[in-house]
């Protein structure tokens, strides 16, 4: 599995589709939160609750990450993922597979993966 587009060298990975060219650019913050919850595909329970809390901290008023900003060309995938990981850590989400899944969600979102549309 390819690591979530976190390589260095430049503002974005060559396969990222950023800005309004990204088919998921118009996604709103609330839709982004729900899609991430569906993407990790966890049953109701503690970990899903932590994913919800993490995404609520990541996408909220006063933060940069409100839907369209995730595929923004001004930010690198690493910057977006690092911010999400900070939110995850702050709520106590430490399950490696869940954290990796959230990172992958962001990477796929930035690449404009058409398969993600099923989560929205």
PDB file of N, CA and C in Angstrom:
ATOM      1  N   UNK A   1       0.859  -1.185   0.000  1.00  0.00           N
ATOM      2  CA  UNK A   1       0.000   0.000   0.000  1.00  0.00           C
ATOM      3  C   UNK A   1       0.898   1.238   0.000  1.00  0.00           C
ATOM      4  N   UNK A   2       0.555   2.175  -0.789  1.00  0.00           N
ATOM      5  CA  UNK A   2       1.298   3.414  -0.890  1.00  0.00           C
ATOM      6  C   UNK A   2       1.029   4.295   0.309  1.00  0.00           C
ATOM      7  N   UNK A   3       2.077   4.851   0.884  1.00  0.00           N
ATOM      8  CA  UNK A   3       1.903   5.749   2.027  1.00  0.00           C
ATOM      9  C   UNK A   3       1.185   6.999   1.563  1.00  0.00           C
ATOM     10  N   UNK A   4       0.344   7.484   2.369  1.00  0.00           N
ATOM     11  CA  UNK A   4      -0.609   8.551   2.095  1.00  0.00           C
ATOM     12  C   UNK A   4      -0.024   9.816   1.484  1.00  0.00           C
ATOM     13  N   UNK A   5       0.678   9.715   0.383  1.00  0.00           N
ATOM     14  CA  UNK A   5       1.150  10.903  -0.329  1.00  0.00           C
ATOM     15  C   UNK A   5       1.966  11.842   0.523  1.00  0.00           C
ATOM     16  N   UNK A   6       2.803  11.290   1.392  1.00  0.00           N
ATOM     17  CA  UNK A   6       3.497  12.123   2.351  1.00  0.00           C
ATOM     18  C   UNK A   6       4.936  12.396   1.962  1.00  0.00           C
ATOM     19  N   UNK A   7       5.303  12.067   0.746  1.00  0.00           N
ATOM     20  CA  UNK A   7       6.669  12.304   0.307  1.00  0.00           C
ATOM     21  C   UNK A   7       7.011  13.773   0.296  1.00  0.00           C
ATOM     22  N   UNK A   8       8.288  14.047   0.350  1.00  0.00           N
ATOM     23  CA  UNK A   8       8.726  15.431   0.353  1.00  0.00           C
ATOM     24  C   UNK A   8       8.859  15.949  -1.064  1.00  0.00           C
ATOM     25  N   UNK A   9       9.588  16.958  -1.268  1.00  0.00           N
ATOM     26  CA  UNK A   9       9.904  17.501  -2.564  1.00  0.00           C
ATOM     27  C   UNK A   9       8.832  18.411  -3.103  1.00  0.00           C
ATOM     28  N   UNK A  10       8.473  19.447  -2.835  1.00  0.00           N
ATOM     29  CA  UNK A  10       7.457  20.215  -3.520  1.00  0.00           C
ATOM     30  C   UNK A  10       6.149  20.247  -2.767  1.00  0.00           C
ATOM     31  N   UNK A  11       5.288  21.155  -3.162  1.00  0.00           N
ATOM     32  CA  UNK A  11       4.055  21.382  -2.433  1.00  0.00           C
ATOM     33  C   UNK A  11       3.043  20.263  -2.538  1.00  0.00           C
ATOM     34  N   UNK A  12       3.085  19.466  -3.597  1.00  0.00           N
ATOM     35  CA  UNK A  12       2.100  18.405  -3.715  1.00  0.00           C
ATOM     36  C   UNK A  12       2.669  17.245  -4.502  1.00  0.00           C
ATOM     37  N   UNK A  13       2.093  16.092  -4.296  1.00  0.00           N
ATOM     38  CA  UNK A  13       2.503  14.912  -5.045  1.00  0.00           C
ATOM     39  C   UNK A  13       2.028  15.080  -6.481  1.00  0.00           C
ATOM     40  N   UNK A  14       2.751  14.521  -7.441  1.00  0.00           N
ATOM     41  CA  UNK A  14       2.377  14.729  -8.838  1.00  0.00           C
ATOM     42  C   UNK A  14       1.003  14.170  -9.205  1.00  0.00           C
ATOM     43  N   UNK A  15       0.501  13.221  -8.447  1.00  0.00           N
ATOM     44  CA  UNK A  15      -0.795  12.643  -8.782  1.00  0.00           C
ATOM     45  C   UNK A  15      -1.953  13.293  -8.033  1.00  0.00           C
ATOM     46  N   UNK A  16      -1.703  14.367  -7.306  1.00  0.00           N
ATOM     47  CA  UNK A  16      -2.781  15.052  -6.607  1.00  0.00           C
ATOM     48  C   UNK A  16      -3.554  15.940  -7.576  1.00  0.00           C
ATOM     49  N   UNK A  17      -4.858  16.017  -7.350  1.00  0.00           N
ATOM     50  CA  UNK A  17      -5.723  16.905  -8.116  1.00  0.00           C
ATOM     51  C   UNK A  17      -6.222  17.946  -7.116  1.00  0.00           C
ATOM     52  N   UNK A  18      -5.688  19.142  -7.239  1.00  0.00           N
ATOM     53  CA  UNK A  18      -5.936  20.146  -6.212  1.00  0.00           C
ATOM     54  C   UNK A  18      -6.838  21.275  -6.707  1.00  0.00           C
ATOM     55  N   UNK A  19      -7.343  22.020  -5.748  1.00  0.00           N
ATOM     56  CA  UNK A  19      -8.199  23.154  -6.053  1.00  0.00           C
ATOM     57  C   UNK A  19      -9.500  22.733  -6.702  1.00  0.00           C
ATOM     58  N   UNK A  20     -10.055  23.605  -7.491  1.00  0.00           N
ATOM     59  CA  UNK A  20     -11.364  23.345  -8.093  1.00  0.00           C
ATOM     60  C   UNK A  20     -11.323  22.233  -9.137  1.00  0.00           C
ATOM     61  N   UNK A  21     -10.132  21.802  -9.554  1.00  0.00           N
ATOM     62  CA  UNK A  21     -10.017  20.674 -10.487  1.00  0.00           C
ATOM     63  C   UNK A  21     -10.348  19.353  -9.793  1.00  0.00           C
ATOM     64  N   UNK A  22     -10.298  19.337  -8.473  1.00  0.00           N
ATOM     65  CA  UNK A  22     -10.601  18.129  -7.711  1.00  0.00           C
ATOM     66  C   UNK A  22     -12.119  17.936  -7.694  1.00  0.00           C
ATOM     67  N   UNK A  23     -12.600  16.742  -8.101  1.00  0.00           N
ATOM     68  CA  UNK A  23     -14.049  16.515  -8.135  1.00  0.00           C
ATOM     69  C   UNK A  23     -14.715  16.583  -6.756  1.00  0.00           C
ATOM     70  N   UNK A  24     -13.921  16.513  -5.688  1.00  0.00           N
ATOM     71  CA  UNK A  24     -14.481  16.576  -4.338  1.00  0.00           C
ATOM     72  C   UNK A  24     -14.258  17.945  -3.694  1.00  0.00           C
ATOM     73  N   UNK A  25     -13.876  18.922  -4.488  1.00  0.00           N
ATOM     74  CA  UNK A  25     -13.575  20.264  -3.994  1.00  0.00           C
ATOM     75  C   UNK A  25     -14.761  20.920  -3.293  1.00  0.00           C
ATOM     76  N   UNK A  26     -15.961  20.666  -3.767  1.00  0.00           N
ATOM     77  CA  UNK A  26     -17.138  21.342  -3.216  1.00  0.00           C
ATOM     78  C   UNK A  26     -17.723  20.660  -1.980  1.00  0.00           C
ATOM     79  N   UNK A  27     -17.058  19.640  -1.489  1.00  0.00           N
ATOM     80  CA  UNK A  27     -17.545  18.928  -0.298  1.00  0.00           C
ATOM     81  C   UNK A  27     -17.525  19.867   0.905  1.00  0.00           C
ATOM     82  N   UNK A  28     -18.600  19.875   1.641  1.00  0.00           N
ATOM     83  CA  UNK A  28     -18.719  20.704   2.838  1.00  0.00           C
ATOM     84  C   UNK A  28     -18.125  19.969   4.041  1.00  0.00           C
ATOM     85  N   UNK A  29     -17.829  20.701   5.089  1.00  0.00           N
ATOM     86  CA  UNK A  29     -17.222  20.126   6.281  1.00  0.00           C
ATOM     87  C   UNK A  29     -18.017  18.991   6.891  1.00  0.00           C
ATOM     88  N   UNK A  30     -19.327  19.151   6.996  1.00  0.00           N
ATOM     89  CA  UNK A  30     -20.181  18.116   7.584  1.00  0.00           C
ATOM     90  C   UNK A  30     -20.124  16.830   6.740  1.00  0.00           C
ATOM     91  N   UNK A  31     -20.146  16.993   5.417  1.00  0.00           N
ATOM     92  CA  UNK A  31     -20.055  15.828   4.523  1.00  0.00           C
ATOM     93  C   UNK A  31     -18.701  15.144   4.667  1.00  0.00           C
ATOM     94  N   UNK A  32     -17.660  15.938   4.823  1.00  0.00           N
ATOM     95  CA  UNK A  32     -16.311  15.403   4.991  1.00  0.00           C
ATOM     96  C   UNK A  32     -16.218  14.549   6.253  1.00  0.00           C
ATOM     97  N   UNK A  33     -16.795  15.040   7.342  1.00  0.00           N
ATOM     98  CA  UNK A  33     -16.785  14.288   8.604  1.00  0.00           C
ATOM     99  C   UNK A  33     -17.505  12.952   8.455  1.00  0.00           C
ATOM    100  N   UNK A  34     -18.676  12.984   7.872  1.00  0.00           N
ATOM    101  CA  UNK A  34     -19.449  11.743   7.704  1.00  0.00           C
ATOM    102  C   UNK A  34     -18.753  10.765   6.766  1.00  0.00           C
ATOM    103  N   UNK A  35     -18.161  11.278   5.687  1.00  0.00           N
ATOM    104  CA  UNK A  35     -17.463  10.410   4.741  1.00  0.00           C
ATOM    105  C   UNK A  35     -16.265   9.729   5.406  1.00  0.00           C
ATOM    106  N   UNK A  36     -15.539  10.456   6.225  1.00  0.00           N
ATOM    107  CA  UNK A  36     -14.390   9.864   6.928  1.00  0.00           C
ATOM    108  C   UNK A  36     -14.853   8.759   7.869  1.00  0.00           C
ATOM    109  N   UNK A  37     -15.981   8.970   8.535  1.00  0.00           N
ATOM    110  CA  UNK A  37     -16.525   7.941   9.430  1.00  0.00           C
ATOM    111  C   UNK A  37     -16.907   6.688   8.651  1.00  0.00           C
ATOM    112  N   UNK A  38     -17.501   6.875   7.485  1.00  0.00           N
ATOM    113  CA  UNK A  38     -17.865   5.720   6.643  1.00  0.00           C
ATOM    114  C   UNK A  38     -16.619   5.040   6.090  1.00  0.00           C
ATOM    115  N   UNK A  39     -15.630   5.832   5.723  1.00  0.00           N
ATOM    116  CA  UNK A  39     -14.400   5.311   5.125  1.00  0.00           C
ATOM    117  C   UNK A  39     -13.664   4.361   6.068  1.00  0.00           C
ATOM    118  N   UNK A  40     -13.577   4.709   7.340  1.00  0.00           N
ATOM    119  CA  UNK A  40     -12.852   3.841   8.281  1.00  0.00           C
ATOM    120  C   UNK A  40     -13.626   2.569   8.580  1.00  0.00           C
ATOM    121  N   UNK A  41     -14.898   2.552   8.251  1.00  0.00           N
ATOM    122  CA  UNK A  41     -15.803   1.399   8.391  1.00  0.00           C
ATOM    123  C   UNK A  41     -15.647   0.632   9.697  1.00  0.00           C
ATOM    124  N   UNK A  42     -15.850   1.343  10.772  1.00  0.00           N
ATOM    125  CA  UNK A  42     -15.825   0.751  12.102  1.00  0.00           C
ATOM    126  C   UNK A  42     -17.245   0.549  12.607  1.00  0.00           C
ATOM    127  N   UNK A  43     -17.463  -0.500  13.382  1.00  0.00           N
ATOM    128  CA  UNK A  43     -18.777  -0.642  14.017  1.00  0.00           C
ATOM    129  C   UNK A  43     -18.922   0.423  15.103  1.00  0.00           C
ATOM    130  N   UNK A  44     -20.155   0.687  15.506  1.00  0.00           N
ATOM    131  CA  UNK A  44     -20.355   1.634  16.608  1.00  0.00           C
ATOM    132  C   UNK A  44     -19.531   1.165  17.791  1.00  0.00           C
ATOM    133  N   UNK A  45     -18.908   2.095  18.444  1.00  0.00           N
ATOM    134  CA  UNK A  45     -18.081   1.753  19.589  1.00  0.00           C
ATOM    135  C   UNK A  45     -17.108   2.870  19.890  1.00  0.00           C
ATOM    136  N   UNK A  46     -16.174   2.583  20.769  1.00  0.00           N
ATOM    137  CA  UNK A  46     -15.231   3.588  21.245  1.00  0.00           C
ATOM    138  C   UNK A  46     -14.408   4.199  20.104  1.00  0.00           C
ATOM    139  N   UNK A  47     -13.830   3.350  19.241  1.00  0.00           N
ATOM    140  CA  UNK A  47     -12.966   3.874  18.179  1.00  0.00           C
ATOM    141  C   UNK A  47     -13.731   4.766  17.205  1.00  0.00           C
ATOM    142  N   UNK A  48     -14.941   4.362  16.834  1.00  0.00           N
ATOM    143  CA  UNK A  48     -15.730   5.202  15.940  1.00  0.00           C
ATOM    144  C   UNK A  48     -16.064   6.526  16.619  1.00  0.00           C
ATOM    145  N   UNK A  49     -16.359   6.478  17.885  1.00  0.00           N
ATOM    146  CA  UNK A  49     -16.607   7.705  18.642  1.00  0.00           C
ATOM    147  C   UNK A  49     -15.396   8.632  18.624  1.00  0.00           C
ATOM    148  N   UNK A  50     -14.199   8.050  18.711  1.00  0.00           N
ATOM    149  CA  UNK A  50     -12.977   8.851  18.670  1.00  0.00           C
ATOM    150  C   UNK A  50     -12.727   9.411  17.273  1.00  0.00           C
ATOM    151  N   UNK A  51     -13.085   8.642  16.244  1.00  0.00           N
ATOM    152  CA  UNK A  51     -12.972   9.151  14.874  1.00  0.00           C
ATOM    153  C   UNK A  51     -13.896  10.356  14.714  1.00  0.00           C
ATOM    154  N   UNK A  52     -15.122  10.239  15.219  1.00  0.00           N
ATOM    155  CA  UNK A  52     -16.072  11.355  15.138  1.00  0.00           C
ATOM    156  C   UNK A  52     -15.527  12.590  15.849  1.00  0.00           C
ATOM    157  N   UNK A  53     -14.985  12.397  17.051  1.00  0.00           N
ATOM    158  CA  UNK A  53     -14.415  13.523  17.802  1.00  0.00           C
ATOM    159  C   UNK A  53     -13.228  14.138  17.069  1.00  0.00           C
ATOM    160  N   UNK A  54     -12.383  13.281  16.539  1.00  0.00           N
ATOM    161  CA  UNK A  54     -11.213  13.753  15.809  1.00  0.00           C
ATOM    162  C   UNK A  54     -11.619  14.591  14.600  1.00  0.00           C
ATOM    163  N   UNK A  55     -12.571  14.092  13.830  1.00  0.00           N
ATOM    164  CA  UNK A  55     -13.026  14.819  12.645  1.00  0.00           C
ATOM    165  C   UNK A  55     -13.751  16.107  13.040  1.00  0.00           C
ATOM    166  N   UNK A  56     -14.438  16.104  14.163  1.00  0.00           N
ATOM    167  CA  UNK A  56     -15.097  17.327  14.620  1.00  0.00           C
ATOM    168  C   UNK A  56     -14.079  18.400  14.992  1.00  0.00           C
ATOM    169  N   UNK A  57     -12.960  17.979  15.556  1.00  0.00           N
ATOM    170  CA  UNK A  57     -11.902  18.940  15.875  1.00  0.00           C
ATOM    171  C   UNK A  57     -11.205  19.415  14.597  1.00  0.00           C
ATOM    172  N   UNK A  58     -11.066  18.528  13.635  1.00  0.00           N
ATOM    173  CA  UNK A  58     -10.377  18.824  12.383  1.00  0.00           C
ATOM    174  C   UNK A  58     -11.196  19.767  11.510  1.00  0.00           C
ATOM    175  N   UNK A  59     -12.505  19.557  11.457  1.00  0.00           N
ATOM    176  CA  UNK A  59     -13.396  20.365  10.613  1.00  0.00           C
ATOM    177  C   UNK A  59     -14.332  21.138  11.532  1.00  0.00           C
ATOM    178  N   UNK A  60     -13.996  22.369  11.788  1.00  0.00           N
ATOM    179  CA  UNK A  60     -14.861  23.209  12.620  1.00  0.00           C
ATOM    180  C   UNK A  60     -14.581  24.671  12.311  1.00  0.00           C
ATOM    181  N   UNK A  61     -15.469  25.498  12.733  1.00  0.00           N
ATOM    182  CA  UNK A  61     -15.320  26.940  12.530  1.00  0.00           C
ATOM    183  C   UNK A  61     -14.027  27.411  13.171  1.00  0.00           C
ATOM    184  N   UNK A  62     -13.337  28.272  12.469  1.00  0.00           N
ATOM    185  CA  UNK A  62     -12.088  28.797  12.987  1.00  0.00           C
ATOM    186  C   UNK A  62     -10.871  27.969  12.589  1.00  0.00           C
ATOM    187  N   UNK A  63     -11.108  26.853  11.916  1.00  0.00           N
ATOM    188  CA  UNK A  63      -9.992  26.031  11.434  1.00  0.00           C
ATOM    189  C   UNK A  63      -9.954  26.129   9.924  1.00  0.00           C
ATOM    190  N   UNK A  64      -8.834  25.819   9.380  1.00  0.00           N
ATOM    191  CA  UNK A  64      -8.664  25.891   7.934  1.00  0.00           C
ATOM    192  C   UNK A  64      -9.360  24.729   7.230  1.00  0.00           C
ATOM    193  N   UNK A  65      -9.545  23.617   7.902  1.00  0.00           N
ATOM    194  CA  UNK A  65     -10.024  22.405   7.250  1.00  0.00           C
ATOM    195  C   UNK A  65     -11.546  22.336   7.229  1.00  0.00           C
ATOM    196  N   UNK A  66     -12.128  22.999   6.253  1.00  0.00           N
ATOM    197  CA  UNK A  66     -13.572  22.986   6.113  1.00  0.00           C
ATOM    198  C   UNK A  66     -13.934  22.575   4.697  1.00  0.00           C
ATOM    199  N   UNK A  67     -13.833  21.302   4.415  1.00  0.00           N
ATOM    200  CA  UNK A  67     -14.237  20.807   3.104  1.00  0.00           C
ATOM    201  C   UNK A  67     -13.246  21.114   1.999  1.00  0.00           C
ATOM    202  N   UNK A  68     -13.472  22.201   1.276  1.00  0.00           N
ATOM    203  CA  UNK A  68     -12.661  22.526   0.099  1.00  0.00           C
ATOM    204  C   UNK A  68     -11.197  22.759   0.436  1.00  0.00           C
ATOM    205  N   UNK A  69     -10.881  23.067   1.669  1.00  0.00           N
ATOM    206  CA  UNK A  69      -9.488  23.342   1.997  1.00  0.00           C
ATOM    207  C   UNK A  69      -8.628  22.086   2.022  1.00  0.00           C
ATOM    208  N   UNK A  70      -9.217  20.904   2.150  1.00  0.00           N
ATOM    209  CA  UNK A  70      -8.422  19.686   2.169  1.00  0.00           C
ATOM    210  C   UNK A  70      -7.682  19.488   0.843  1.00  0.00           C
ATOM    211  N   UNK A  71      -8.323  19.673  -0.327  1.00  0.00           N
ATOM    212  CA  UNK A  71      -7.564  19.565  -1.570  1.00  0.00           C
ATOM    213  C   UNK A  71      -6.952  20.896  -2.034  1.00  0.00           C
ATOM    214  N   UNK A  72      -6.790  21.827  -1.136  1.00  0.00           N
ATOM    215  CA  UNK A  72      -6.233  23.140  -1.462  1.00  0.00           C
ATOM    216  C   UNK A  72      -4.763  23.014  -1.852  1.00  0.00           C
ATOM    217  N   UNK A  73      -4.368  23.693  -2.901  1.00  0.00           N
ATOM    218  CA  UNK A  73      -2.992  23.654  -3.362  1.00  0.00           C
ATOM    219  C   UNK A  73      -2.022  24.402  -2.460  1.00  0.00           C
ATOM    220  N   UNK A  74      -2.528  25.224  -1.558  1.00  0.00           N
ATOM    221  CA  UNK A  74      -1.671  25.978  -0.649  1.00  0.00           C
ATOM    222  C   UNK A  74      -1.079  25.091   0.446  1.00  0.00           C
ATOM    223  N   UNK A  75      -1.679  23.936   0.664  1.00  0.00           N
ATOM    224  CA  UNK A  75      -1.237  23.032   1.719  1.00  0.00           C
ATOM    225  C   UNK A  75      -0.725  21.734   1.109  1.00  0.00           C
ATOM    226  N   UNK A  76       0.259  21.144   1.748  1.00  0.00           N
ATOM    227  CA  UNK A  76       0.719  19.831   1.297  1.00  0.00           C
ATOM    228  C   UNK A  76      -0.132  18.757   1.955  1.00  0.00           C
ATOM    229  N   UNK A  77      -0.106  17.587   1.370  1.00  0.00           N
ATOM    230  CA  UNK A  77      -0.821  16.455   1.956  1.00  0.00           C
ATOM    231  C   UNK A  77      -0.286  16.197   3.362  1.00  0.00           C
ATOM    232  N   UNK A  78       1.007  16.320   3.539  1.00  0.00           N
ATOM    233  CA  UNK A  78       1.617  16.106   4.849  1.00  0.00           C
ATOM    234  C   UNK A  78       1.071  17.101   5.870  1.00  0.00           C
ATOM    235  N   UNK A  79       0.931  18.363   5.495  1.00  0.00           N
ATOM    236  CA  UNK A  79       0.396  19.365   6.419  1.00  0.00           C
ATOM    237  C   UNK A  79      -1.028  19.014   6.845  1.00  0.00           C
ATOM    238  N   UNK A  80      -1.847  18.628   5.886  1.00  0.00           N
ATOM    239  CA  UNK A  80      -3.237  18.282   6.194  1.00  0.00           C
ATOM    240  C   UNK A  80      -3.281  17.043   7.084  1.00  0.00           C
ATOM    241  N   UNK A  81      -2.508  16.015   6.721  1.00  0.00           N
ATOM    242  CA  UNK A  81      -2.489  14.784   7.523  1.00  0.00           C
ATOM    243  C   UNK A  81      -1.935  15.034   8.924  1.00  0.00           C
ATOM    244  N   UNK A  82      -0.892  15.838   9.024  1.00  0.00           N
ATOM    245  CA  UNK A  82      -0.319  16.137  10.345  1.00  0.00           C
ATOM    246  C   UNK A  82      -1.344  16.824  11.244  1.00  0.00           C
ATOM    247  N   UNK A  83      -2.119  17.743  10.670  1.00  0.00           N
ATOM    248  CA  UNK A  83      -3.153  18.426  11.449  1.00  0.00           C
ATOM    249  C   UNK A  83      -4.225  17.435  11.908  1.00  0.00           C
ATOM    250  N   UNK A  84      -4.621  16.544  11.018  1.00  0.00           N
ATOM    251  CA  UNK A  84      -5.614  15.531  11.384  1.00  0.00           C
ATOM    252  C   UNK A  84      -5.055  14.600  12.461  1.00  0.00           C
ATOM    253  N   UNK A  85      -3.781  14.232  12.342  1.00  0.00           N
ATOM    254  CA  UNK A  85      -3.170  13.353  13.347  1.00  0.00           C
ATOM    255  C   UNK A  85      -3.077  14.050  14.702  1.00  0.00           C
ATOM    256  N   UNK A  86      -2.834  15.358  14.684  1.00  0.00           N
ATOM    257  CA  UNK A  86      -2.814  16.124  15.931  1.00  0.00           C
ATOM    258  C   UNK A  86      -4.197  16.098  16.584  1.00  0.00           C
ATOM    259  N   UNK A  87      -5.233  16.253  15.782  1.00  0.00           N
ATOM    260  CA  UNK A  87      -6.603  16.191  16.303  1.00  0.00           C
ATOM    261  C   UNK A  87      -6.901  14.790  16.847  1.00  0.00           C
ATOM    262  N   UNK A  88      -6.459  13.774  16.132  1.00  0.00           N
ATOM    263  CA  UNK A  88      -6.690  12.392  16.564  1.00  0.00           C
ATOM    264  C   UNK A  88      -5.994  12.108  17.886  1.00  0.00           C
ATOM    265  N   UNK A  89      -4.752  12.536  18.003  1.00  0.00           N
ATOM    266  CA  UNK A  89      -3.999  12.339  19.239  1.00  0.00           C
ATOM    267  C   UNK A  89      -4.661  13.071  20.399  1.00  0.00           C
ATOM    268  N   UNK A  90      -5.154  14.269  20.136  1.00  0.00           N
ATOM    269  CA  UNK A  90      -5.746  15.075  21.210  1.00  0.00           C
ATOM    270  C   UNK A  90      -7.016  14.454  21.796  1.00  0.00           C
ATOM    271  N   UNK A  91      -7.687  13.590  21.019  1.00  0.00           N
ATOM    272  CA  UNK A  91      -8.896  12.933  21.537  1.00  0.00           C
ATOM    273  C   UNK A  91      -8.610  11.507  22.007  1.00  0.00           C
ATOM    274  N   UNK A  92      -7.348  11.076  21.888  1.00  0.00           N
ATOM    275  CA  UNK A  92      -6.973   9.750  22.368  1.00  0.00           C
ATOM    276  C   UNK A  92      -7.122   8.637  21.344  1.00  0.00           C
ATOM    277  N   UNK A  93      -7.207   8.981  20.071  1.00  0.00           N
ATOM    278  CA  UNK A  93      -7.302   7.968  19.020  1.00  0.00           C
ATOM    279  C   UNK A  93      -5.893   7.481  18.698  1.00  0.00           C
ATOM    280  N   UNK A  94      -5.589   6.248  19.077  1.00  0.00           N
ATOM    281  CA  UNK A  94      -4.235   5.730  18.912  1.00  0.00           C
ATOM    282  C   UNK A  94      -4.172   4.397  18.171  1.00  0.00           C
ATOM    283  N   UNK A  95      -5.288   3.845  17.762  1.00  0.00           N
ATOM    284  CA  UNK A  95      -5.296   2.558  17.069  1.00  0.00           C
ATOM    285  C   UNK A  95      -4.606   2.748  15.714  1.00  0.00           C
ATOM    286  N   UNK A  96      -3.447   2.100  15.504  1.00  0.00           N
ATOM    287  CA  UNK A  96      -2.671   2.336  14.280  1.00  0.00           C
ATOM    288  C   UNK A  96      -3.449   2.132  12.982  1.00  0.00           C
ATOM    289  N   UNK A  97      -4.262   1.116  12.887  1.00  0.00           N
ATOM    290  CA  UNK A  97      -5.004   0.859  11.644  1.00  0.00           C
ATOM    291  C   UNK A  97      -6.024   1.962  11.364  1.00  0.00           C
ATOM    292  N   UNK A  98      -6.647   2.488  12.400  1.00  0.00           N
ATOM    293  CA  UNK A  98      -7.642   3.551  12.222  1.00  0.00           C
ATOM    294  C   UNK A  98      -6.942   4.851  11.826  1.00  0.00           C
ATOM    295  N   UNK A  99      -5.837   5.148  12.483  1.00  0.00           N
ATOM    296  CA  UNK A  99      -5.075   6.356  12.168  1.00  0.00           C
ATOM    297  C   UNK A  99      -4.567   6.280  10.724  1.00  0.00           C
ATOM    298  N   UNK A 100      -4.051   5.131  10.323  1.00  0.00           N
ATOM    299  CA  UNK A 100      -3.575   4.950   8.943  1.00  0.00           C
ATOM    300  C   UNK A 100      -4.721   5.102   7.951  1.00  0.00           C
ATOM    301  N   UNK A 101      -5.887   4.627   8.308  1.00  0.00           N
ATOM    302  CA  UNK A 101      -7.050   4.734   7.435  1.00  0.00           C
ATOM    303  C   UNK A 101      -7.447   6.197   7.241  1.00  0.00           C
ATOM    304  N   UNK A 102      -7.388   6.989   8.297  1.00  0.00           N
ATOM    305  CA  UNK A 102      -7.705   8.417   8.181  1.00  0.00           C
ATOM    306  C   UNK A 102      -6.691   9.124   7.284  1.00  0.00           C
ATOM    307  N   UNK A 103      -5.420   8.784   7.428  1.00  0.00           N
ATOM    308  CA  UNK A 103      -4.373   9.359   6.568  1.00  0.00           C
ATOM    309  C   UNK A 103      -4.651   9.008   5.101  1.00  0.00           C
ATOM    310  N   UNK A 104      -5.005   7.757   4.868  1.00  0.00           N
ATOM    311  CA  UNK A 104      -5.278   7.304   3.505  1.00  0.00           C
ATOM    312  C   UNK A 104      -6.494   8.017   2.920  1.00  0.00           C
ATOM    313  N   UNK A 105      -7.498   8.253   3.754  1.00  0.00           N
ATOM    314  CA  UNK A 105      -8.690   8.987   3.321  1.00  0.00           C
ATOM    315  C   UNK A 105      -8.299  10.368   2.794  1.00  0.00           C
ATOM    316  N   UNK A 106      -7.451  11.070   3.534  1.00  0.00           N
ATOM    317  CA  UNK A 106      -7.016  12.407   3.119  1.00  0.00           C
ATOM    318  C   UNK A 106      -6.227  12.329   1.815  1.00  0.00           C
ATOM    319  N   UNK A 107      -5.327  11.355   1.717  1.00  0.00           N
ATOM    320  CA  UNK A 107      -4.521  11.208   0.497  1.00  0.00           C
ATOM    321  C   UNK A 107      -5.414  10.934  -0.714  1.00  0.00           C
ATOM    322  N   UNK A 108      -6.388  10.058  -0.556  1.00  0.00           N
ATOM    323  CA  UNK A 108      -7.296   9.746  -1.666  1.00  0.00           C
ATOM    324  C   UNK A 108      -8.158  10.949  -2.019  1.00  0.00           C
ATOM    325  N   UNK A 109      -8.577  11.685  -1.013  1.00  0.00           N
ATOM    326  CA  UNK A 109      -9.367  12.893  -1.257  1.00  0.00           C
ATOM    327  C   UNK A 109      -8.553  13.888  -2.078  1.00  0.00           C
ATOM    328  N   UNK A 110      -7.299  14.060  -1.743  1.00  0.00           N
ATOM    329  CA  UNK A 110      -6.443  15.003  -2.470  1.00  0.00           C
ATOM    330  C   UNK A 110      -6.142  14.520  -3.882  1.00  0.00           C
ATOM    331  N   UNK A 111      -6.186  13.232  -4.108  1.00  0.00           N
ATOM    332  CA  UNK A 111      -5.981  12.705  -5.462  1.00  0.00           C
ATOM    333  C   UNK A 111      -7.271  12.744  -6.281  1.00  0.00           C
ATOM    334  N   UNK A 112      -8.387  13.070  -5.636  1.00  0.00           N
ATOM    335  CA  UNK A 112      -9.665  13.134  -6.345  1.00  0.00           C
ATOM    336  C   UNK A 112     -10.172  11.768  -6.752  1.00  0.00           C
ATOM    337  N   UNK A 113      -9.896  10.770  -5.931  1.00  0.00           N
ATOM    338  CA  UNK A 113     -10.286   9.387  -6.230  1.00  0.00           C
ATOM    339  C   UNK A 113     -11.803   9.289  -6.420  1.00  0.00           C
ATOM    340  N   UNK A 114     -12.223   8.808  -7.575  1.00  0.00           N
ATOM    341  CA  UNK A 114     -13.647   8.701  -7.868  1.00  0.00           C
ATOM    342  C   UNK A 114     -14.349   7.686  -6.963  1.00  0.00           C
ATOM    343  N   UNK A 115     -13.612   6.691  -6.470  1.00  0.00           N
ATOM    344  CA  UNK A 115     -14.203   5.675  -5.599  1.00  0.00           C
ATOM    345  C   UNK A 115     -14.685   6.279  -4.276  1.00  0.00           C
ATOM    346  N   UNK A 116     -14.138   7.420  -3.896  1.00  0.00           N
ATOM    347  CA  UNK A 116     -14.548   8.051  -2.644  1.00  0.00           C
ATOM    348  C   UNK A 116     -15.985   8.561  -2.691  1.00  0.00           C
ATOM    349  N   UNK A 117     -16.517   8.783  -3.868  1.00  0.00           N
ATOM    350  CA  UNK A 117     -17.873   9.334  -3.984  1.00  0.00           C
ATOM    351  C   UNK A 117     -18.909   8.459  -3.280  1.00  0.00           C
ATOM    352  N   UNK A 118     -18.635   7.183  -3.156  1.00  0.00           N
ATOM    353  CA  UNK A 118     -19.601   6.292  -2.474  1.00  0.00           C
ATOM    354  C   UNK A 118     -19.696   6.579  -0.972  1.00  0.00           C
ATOM    355  N   UNK A 119     -18.753   7.285  -0.413  1.00  0.00           N
ATOM    356  CA  UNK A 119     -18.777   7.606   1.013  1.00  0.00           C
ATOM    357  C   UNK A 119     -19.500   8.917   1.295  1.00  0.00           C
ATOM    358  N   UNK A 120     -19.792   9.679   0.231  1.00  0.00           N
ATOM    359  CA  UNK A 120     -20.450  10.980   0.417  1.00  0.00           C
ATOM    360  C   UNK A 120     -21.937  10.879   0.127  1.00  0.00           C
TER     361      UNK A 120
END
